[in-house]
Amino acid sequence: MKLKVVIHKAEEGGYWAEVPSLAGCATQGDTFEELLENIYEAIEGYLSVDVYLCKRNY
């Protein structure tokens, strides 16, 4: 699965990122490497919630 991630440089330093196709999925990091770790974690958490809710409704 491929997702588009938009990365922004934060005014106060560091970076923040959002995933436009996953409403509300965003994170930040002091370094680019930290941001990458955080965005993978944010996406994984977002998608695992969707799977949980789908299974719960059946």
PDB file of N, CA and C in Angstrom:
ATOM      1  N   MET A   1       0.841  -1.170   0.000  1.00  0.00           N
ATOM      2  CA  MET A   1       0.000   0.000   0.000  1.00  0.00           C
ATOM      3  C   MET A   1       0.894   1.244   0.000  1.00  0.00           C
ATOM      4  N   LYS A   2       0.587   2.165  -0.873  1.00  0.00           N
ATOM      5  CA  LYS A   2       1.337   3.416  -0.927  1.00  0.00           C
ATOM      6  C   LYS A   2       0.415   4.551  -0.499  1.00  0.00           C
ATOM      7  N   LEU A   3       0.941   5.437   0.341  1.00  0.00           N
ATOM      8  CA  LEU A   3       0.196   6.598   0.800  1.00  0.00           C
ATOM      9  C   LEU A   3       1.039   7.849   0.579  1.00  0.00           C
ATOM     10  N   LYS A   4       0.397   8.920   0.186  1.00  0.00           N
ATOM     11  CA  LYS A   4       1.088  10.194   0.025  1.00  0.00           C
ATOM     12  C   LYS A   4       1.216  10.853   1.394  1.00  0.00           C
ATOM     13  N   VAL A   5       2.428  11.257   1.735  1.00  0.00           N
ATOM     14  CA  VAL A   5       2.703  11.960   2.984  1.00  0.00           C
ATOM     15  C   VAL A   5       3.239  13.341   2.619  1.00  0.00           C
ATOM     16  N   VAL A   6       2.628  14.370   3.172  1.00  0.00           N
ATOM     17  CA  VAL A   6       3.070  15.740   2.935  1.00  0.00           C
ATOM     18  C   VAL A   6       3.869  16.195   4.149  1.00  0.00           C
ATOM     19  N   ILE A   7       5.116  16.592   3.912  1.00  0.00           N
ATOM     20  CA  ILE A   7       6.021  16.981   4.993  1.00  0.00           C
ATOM     21  C   ILE A   7       6.218  18.490   4.959  1.00  0.00           C
ATOM     22  N   HIS A   8       6.116  19.091   6.140  1.00  0.00           N
ATOM     23  CA  HIS A   8       6.275  20.537   6.289  1.00  0.00           C
ATOM     24  C   HIS A   8       7.397  20.822   7.279  1.00  0.00           C
ATOM     25  N   LYS A   9       8.099  21.901   7.055  1.00  0.00           N
ATOM     26  CA  LYS A   9       9.090  22.365   8.021  1.00  0.00           C
ATOM     27  C   LYS A   9       8.351  23.240   9.036  1.00  0.00           C
ATOM     28  N   ALA A  10       8.475  22.927  10.311  1.00  0.00           N
ATOM     29  CA  ALA A  10       7.770  23.668  11.358  1.00  0.00           C
ATOM     30  C   ALA A  10       8.466  24.998  11.635  1.00  0.00           C
ATOM     31  N   GLU A  11       7.688  26.033  11.873  1.00  0.00           N
ATOM     32  CA  GLU A  11       8.247  27.355  12.148  1.00  0.00           C
ATOM     33  C   GLU A  11       9.134  27.365  13.391  1.00  0.00           C
ATOM     34  N   GLU A  12       8.749  26.588  14.398  1.00  0.00           N
ATOM     35  CA  GLU A  12       9.498  26.564  15.656  1.00  0.00           C
ATOM     36  C   GLU A  12      10.664  25.582  15.628  1.00  0.00           C
ATOM     37  N   GLY A  13      10.898  24.967  14.489  1.00  0.00           N
ATOM     38  CA  GLY A  13      11.965  23.985  14.340  1.00  0.00           C
ATOM     39  C   GLY A  13      11.385  22.594  14.189  1.00  0.00           C
ATOM     40  N   GLY A  14      12.117  21.722  13.563  1.00  0.00           N
ATOM     41  CA  GLY A  14      11.637  20.368  13.336  1.00  0.00           C
ATOM     42  C   GLY A  14      10.719  20.289  12.131  1.00  0.00           C
ATOM     43  N   TYR A  15       9.919  19.237  12.106  1.00  0.00           N
ATOM     44  CA  TYR A  15       9.049  18.967  10.967  1.00  0.00           C
ATOM     45  C   TYR A  15       7.699  18.471  11.454  1.00  0.00           C
ATOM     46  N   TRP A  16       6.701  18.583  10.590  1.00  0.00           N
ATOM     47  CA  TRP A  16       5.425  17.932  10.833  1.00  0.00           C
ATOM     48  C   TRP A  16       4.929  17.377   9.510  1.00  0.00           C
ATOM     49  N   ALA A  17       4.121  16.335   9.596  1.00  0.00           N
ATOM     50  CA  ALA A  17       3.661  15.658   8.386  1.00  0.00           C
ATOM     51  C   ALA A  17       2.202  15.273   8.525  1.00  0.00           C
ATOM     52  N   GLU A  18       1.550  15.170   7.381  1.00  0.00           N
ATOM     53  CA  GLU A  18       0.148  14.755   7.342  1.00  0.00           C
ATOM     54  C   GLU A  18      -0.057  13.780   6.191  1.00  0.00           C
ATOM     55  N   VAL A  19      -1.075  12.943   6.334  1.00  0.00           N
ATOM     56  CA  VAL A  19      -1.446  11.994   5.290  1.00  0.00           C
ATOM     57  C   VAL A  19      -2.831  12.414   4.797  1.00  0.00           C
ATOM     58  N   PRO A  20      -2.910  13.117   3.673  1.00  0.00           N
ATOM     59  CA  PRO A  20      -4.190  13.669   3.213  1.00  0.00           C
ATOM     60  C   PRO A  20      -5.312  12.637   3.053  1.00  0.00           C
ATOM     61  N   SER A  21      -4.988  11.429   2.678  1.00  0.00           N
ATOM     62  CA  SER A  21      -6.022  10.417   2.461  1.00  0.00           C
ATOM     63  C   SER A  21      -6.523   9.779   3.759  1.00  0.00           C
ATOM     64  N   LEU A  22      -5.868  10.069   4.879  1.00  0.00           N
ATOM     65  CA  LEU A  22      -6.287   9.554   6.182  1.00  0.00           C
ATOM     66  C   LEU A  22      -6.619  10.753   7.078  1.00  0.00           C
ATOM     67  N   ALA A  23      -7.872  11.133   7.104  1.00  0.00           N
ATOM     68  CA  ALA A  23      -8.302  12.343   7.812  1.00  0.00           C
ATOM     69  C   ALA A  23      -7.804  12.367   9.254  1.00  0.00           C
ATOM     70  N   GLY A  24      -7.088  13.433   9.587  1.00  0.00           N
ATOM     71  CA  GLY A  24      -6.595  13.608  10.948  1.00  0.00           C
ATOM     72  C   GLY A  24      -5.304  12.891  11.254  1.00  0.00           C
ATOM     73  N   CYS A  25      -4.731  12.203  10.293  1.00  0.00           N
ATOM     74  CA  CYS A  25      -3.478  11.479  10.520  1.00  0.00           C
ATOM     75  C   CYS A  25      -2.310  12.425  10.287  1.00  0.00           C
ATOM     76  N   ALA A  26      -1.699  12.862  11.389  1.00  0.00           N
ATOM     77  CA  ALA A  26      -0.589  13.806  11.326  1.00  0.00           C
ATOM     78  C   ALA A  26       0.320  13.569  12.520  1.00  0.00           C
ATOM     79  N   THR A  27       1.562  14.017  12.412  1.00  0.00           N
ATOM     80  CA  THR A  27       2.519  13.868  13.497  1.00  0.00           C
ATOM     81  C   THR A  27       3.637  14.882  13.310  1.00  0.00           C
ATOM     82  N   GLN A  28       4.574  14.894  14.243  1.00  0.00           N
ATOM     83  CA  GLN A  28       5.702  15.815  14.167  1.00  0.00           C
ATOM     84  C   GLN A  28       6.958  15.143  14.686  1.00  0.00           C
ATOM     85  N   GLY A  29       8.093  15.771  14.416  1.00  0.00           N
ATOM     86  CA  GLY A  29       9.369  15.268  14.911  1.00  0.00           C
ATOM     87  C   GLY A  29      10.405  16.376  14.923  1.00  0.00           C
ATOM     88  N   ASP A  30      11.326  16.299  15.866  1.00  0.00           N
ATOM     89  CA  ASP A  30      12.387  17.298  15.954  1.00  0.00           C
ATOM     90  C   ASP A  30      13.397  17.155  14.822  1.00  0.00           C
ATOM     91  N   THR A  31      13.585  15.923  14.347  1.00  0.00           N
ATOM     92  CA  THR A  31      14.484  15.662  13.224  1.00  0.00           C
ATOM     93  C   THR A  31      13.703  14.935  12.138  1.00  0.00           C
ATOM     94  N   PHE A  32      14.254  14.905  10.934  1.00  0.00           N
ATOM     95  CA  PHE A  32      13.596  14.210   9.830  1.00  0.00           C
ATOM     96  C   PHE A  32      13.479  12.719  10.137  1.00  0.00           C
ATOM     97  N   GLU A  33      14.521  12.141  10.732  1.00  0.00           N
ATOM     98  CA  GLU A  33      14.505  10.717  11.078  1.00  0.00           C
ATOM     99  C   GLU A  33      13.407  10.422  12.096  1.00  0.00           C
ATOM    100  N   GLU A  34      13.263  11.285  13.098  1.00  0.00           N
ATOM    101  CA  GLU A  34      12.202  11.107  14.107  1.00  0.00           C
ATOM    102  C   GLU A  34      10.830  11.245  13.461  1.00  0.00           C
ATOM    103  N   LEU A  35      10.701  12.180  12.532  1.00  0.00           N
ATOM    104  CA  LEU A  35       9.435  12.358  11.824  1.00  0.00           C
ATOM    105  C   LEU A  35       9.055  11.092  11.063  1.00  0.00           C
ATOM    106  N   LEU A  36      10.013  10.487  10.375  1.00  0.00           N
ATOM    107  CA  LEU A  36       9.722   9.262   9.628  1.00  0.00           C
ATOM    108  C   LEU A  36       9.248   8.146  10.547  1.00  0.00           C
ATOM    109  N   GLU A  37       9.905   7.971  11.672  1.00  0.00           N
ATOM    110  CA  GLU A  37       9.469   6.962  12.647  1.00  0.00           C
ATOM    111  C   GLU A  37       8.049   7.253  13.115  1.00  0.00           C
ATOM    112  N   ASN A  38       7.797   8.519  13.425  1.00  0.00           N
ATOM    113  CA  ASN A  38       6.483   8.899  13.947  1.00  0.00           C
ATOM    114  C   ASN A  38       5.378   8.752  12.916  1.00  0.00           C
ATOM    115  N   ILE A  39       5.662   9.050  11.651  1.00  0.00           N
ATOM    116  CA  ILE A  39       4.608   8.950  10.643  1.00  0.00           C
ATOM    117  C   ILE A  39       4.256   7.494  10.369  1.00  0.00           C
ATOM    118  N   TYR A  40       5.252   6.604  10.381  1.00  0.00           N
ATOM    119  CA  TYR A  40       4.950   5.170  10.233  1.00  0.00           C
ATOM    120  C   TYR A  40       4.066   4.699  11.392  1.00  0.00           C
ATOM    121  N   GLU A  41       4.394   5.128  12.598  1.00  0.00           N
ATOM    122  CA  GLU A  41       3.609   4.752  13.774  1.00  0.00           C
ATOM    123  C   GLU A  41       2.187   5.328  13.696  1.00  0.00           C
ATOM    124  N   ALA A  42       2.066   6.575  13.260  1.00  0.00           N
ATOM    125  CA  ALA A  42       0.749   7.210  13.148  1.00  0.00           C
ATOM    126  C   ALA A  42      -0.125   6.500  12.116  1.00  0.00           C
ATOM    127  N   ILE A  43       0.456   6.150  10.977  1.00  0.00           N
ATOM    128  CA  ILE A  43      -0.303   5.444   9.935  1.00  0.00           C
ATOM    129  C   ILE A  43      -0.722   4.069  10.431  1.00  0.00           C
ATOM    130  N   GLU A  44       0.192   3.354  11.052  1.00  0.00           N
ATOM    131  CA  GLU A  44      -0.126   2.024  11.581  1.00  0.00           C
ATOM    132  C   GLU A  44      -1.260   2.106  12.602  1.00  0.00           C
ATOM    133  N   GLY A  45      -1.192   3.078  13.483  1.00  0.00           N
ATOM    134  CA  GLY A  45      -2.247   3.247  14.478  1.00  0.00           C
ATOM    135  C   GLY A  45      -3.579   3.610  13.856  1.00  0.00           C
ATOM    136  N   TYR A  46      -3.560   4.484  12.889  1.00  0.00           N
ATOM    137  CA  TYR A  46      -4.785   4.898  12.204  1.00  0.00           C
ATOM    138  C   TYR A  46      -5.445   3.706  11.517  1.00  0.00           C
ATOM    139  N   LEU A  47      -4.650   2.943  10.776  1.00  0.00           N
ATOM    140  CA  LEU A  47      -5.216   1.807  10.040  1.00  0.00           C
ATOM    141  C   LEU A  47      -5.651   0.680  10.969  1.00  0.00           C
ATOM    142  N   SER A  48      -4.976   0.478  12.071  1.00  0.00           N
ATOM    143  CA  SER A  48      -5.375  -0.594  12.993  1.00  0.00           C
ATOM    144  C   SER A  48      -6.698  -0.259  13.664  1.00  0.00           C
ATOM    145  N   VAL A  49      -6.981   1.011  13.898  1.00  0.00           N
ATOM    146  CA  VAL A  49      -8.265   1.418  14.466  1.00  0.00           C
ATOM    147  C   VAL A  49      -9.372   1.126  13.475  1.00  0.00           C
ATOM    148  N   ASP A  50      -9.161   1.431  12.197  1.00  0.00           N
ATOM    149  CA  ASP A  50     -10.164   1.141  11.173  1.00  0.00           C
ATOM    150  C   ASP A  50     -10.475  -0.343  11.119  1.00  0.00           C
ATOM    151  N   VAL A  51      -9.472  -1.195  11.165  1.00  0.00           N
ATOM    152  CA  VAL A  51      -9.670  -2.642  11.121  1.00  0.00           C
ATOM    153  C   VAL A  51     -10.438  -3.088  12.352  1.00  0.00           C
ATOM    154  N   TYR A  52     -10.087  -2.573  13.512  1.00  0.00           N
ATOM    155  CA  TYR A  52     -10.771  -2.930  14.754  1.00  0.00           C
ATOM    156  C   TYR A  52     -12.246  -2.559  14.669  1.00  0.00           C
ATOM    157  N   LEU A  53     -12.534  -1.365  14.213  1.00  0.00           N
ATOM    158  CA  LEU A  53     -13.934  -0.917  14.134  1.00  0.00           C
ATOM    159  C   LEU A  53     -14.718  -1.733  13.125  1.00  0.00           C
ATOM    160  N   CYS A  54     -14.098  -2.104  12.001  1.00  0.00           N
ATOM    161  CA  CYS A  54     -14.782  -2.924  10.996  1.00  0.00           C
ATOM    162  C   CYS A  54     -15.115  -4.296  11.554  1.00  0.00           C
ATOM    163  N   LYS A  55     -14.174  -4.925  12.246  1.00  0.00           N
ATOM    164  CA  LYS A  55     -14.405  -6.248  12.803  1.00  0.00           C
ATOM    165  C   LYS A  55     -15.476  -6.200  13.880  1.00  0.00           C
ATOM    166  N   ARG A  56     -15.505  -5.127  14.636  1.00  0.00           N
ATOM    167  CA  ARG A  56     -16.462  -4.985  15.728  1.00  0.00           C
ATOM    168  C   ARG A  56     -17.886  -4.861  15.224  1.00  0.00           C
ATOM    169  N   ASN A  57     -18.060  -4.292  14.034  1.00  0.00           N
ATOM    170  CA  ASN A  57     -19.400  -4.108  13.478  1.00  0.00           C
ATOM    171  C   ASN A  57     -19.988  -5.365  12.845  1.00  0.00           C
ATOM    172  N   TYR A  58     -19.189  -6.434  12.740  1.00  0.00           N
ATOM    173  CA  TYR A  58     -19.687  -7.678  12.127  1.00  0.00           C
ATOM    174  C   TYR A  58     -19.910  -8.740  13.151  1.00  0.00           C
TER     175      TYR A  58
END
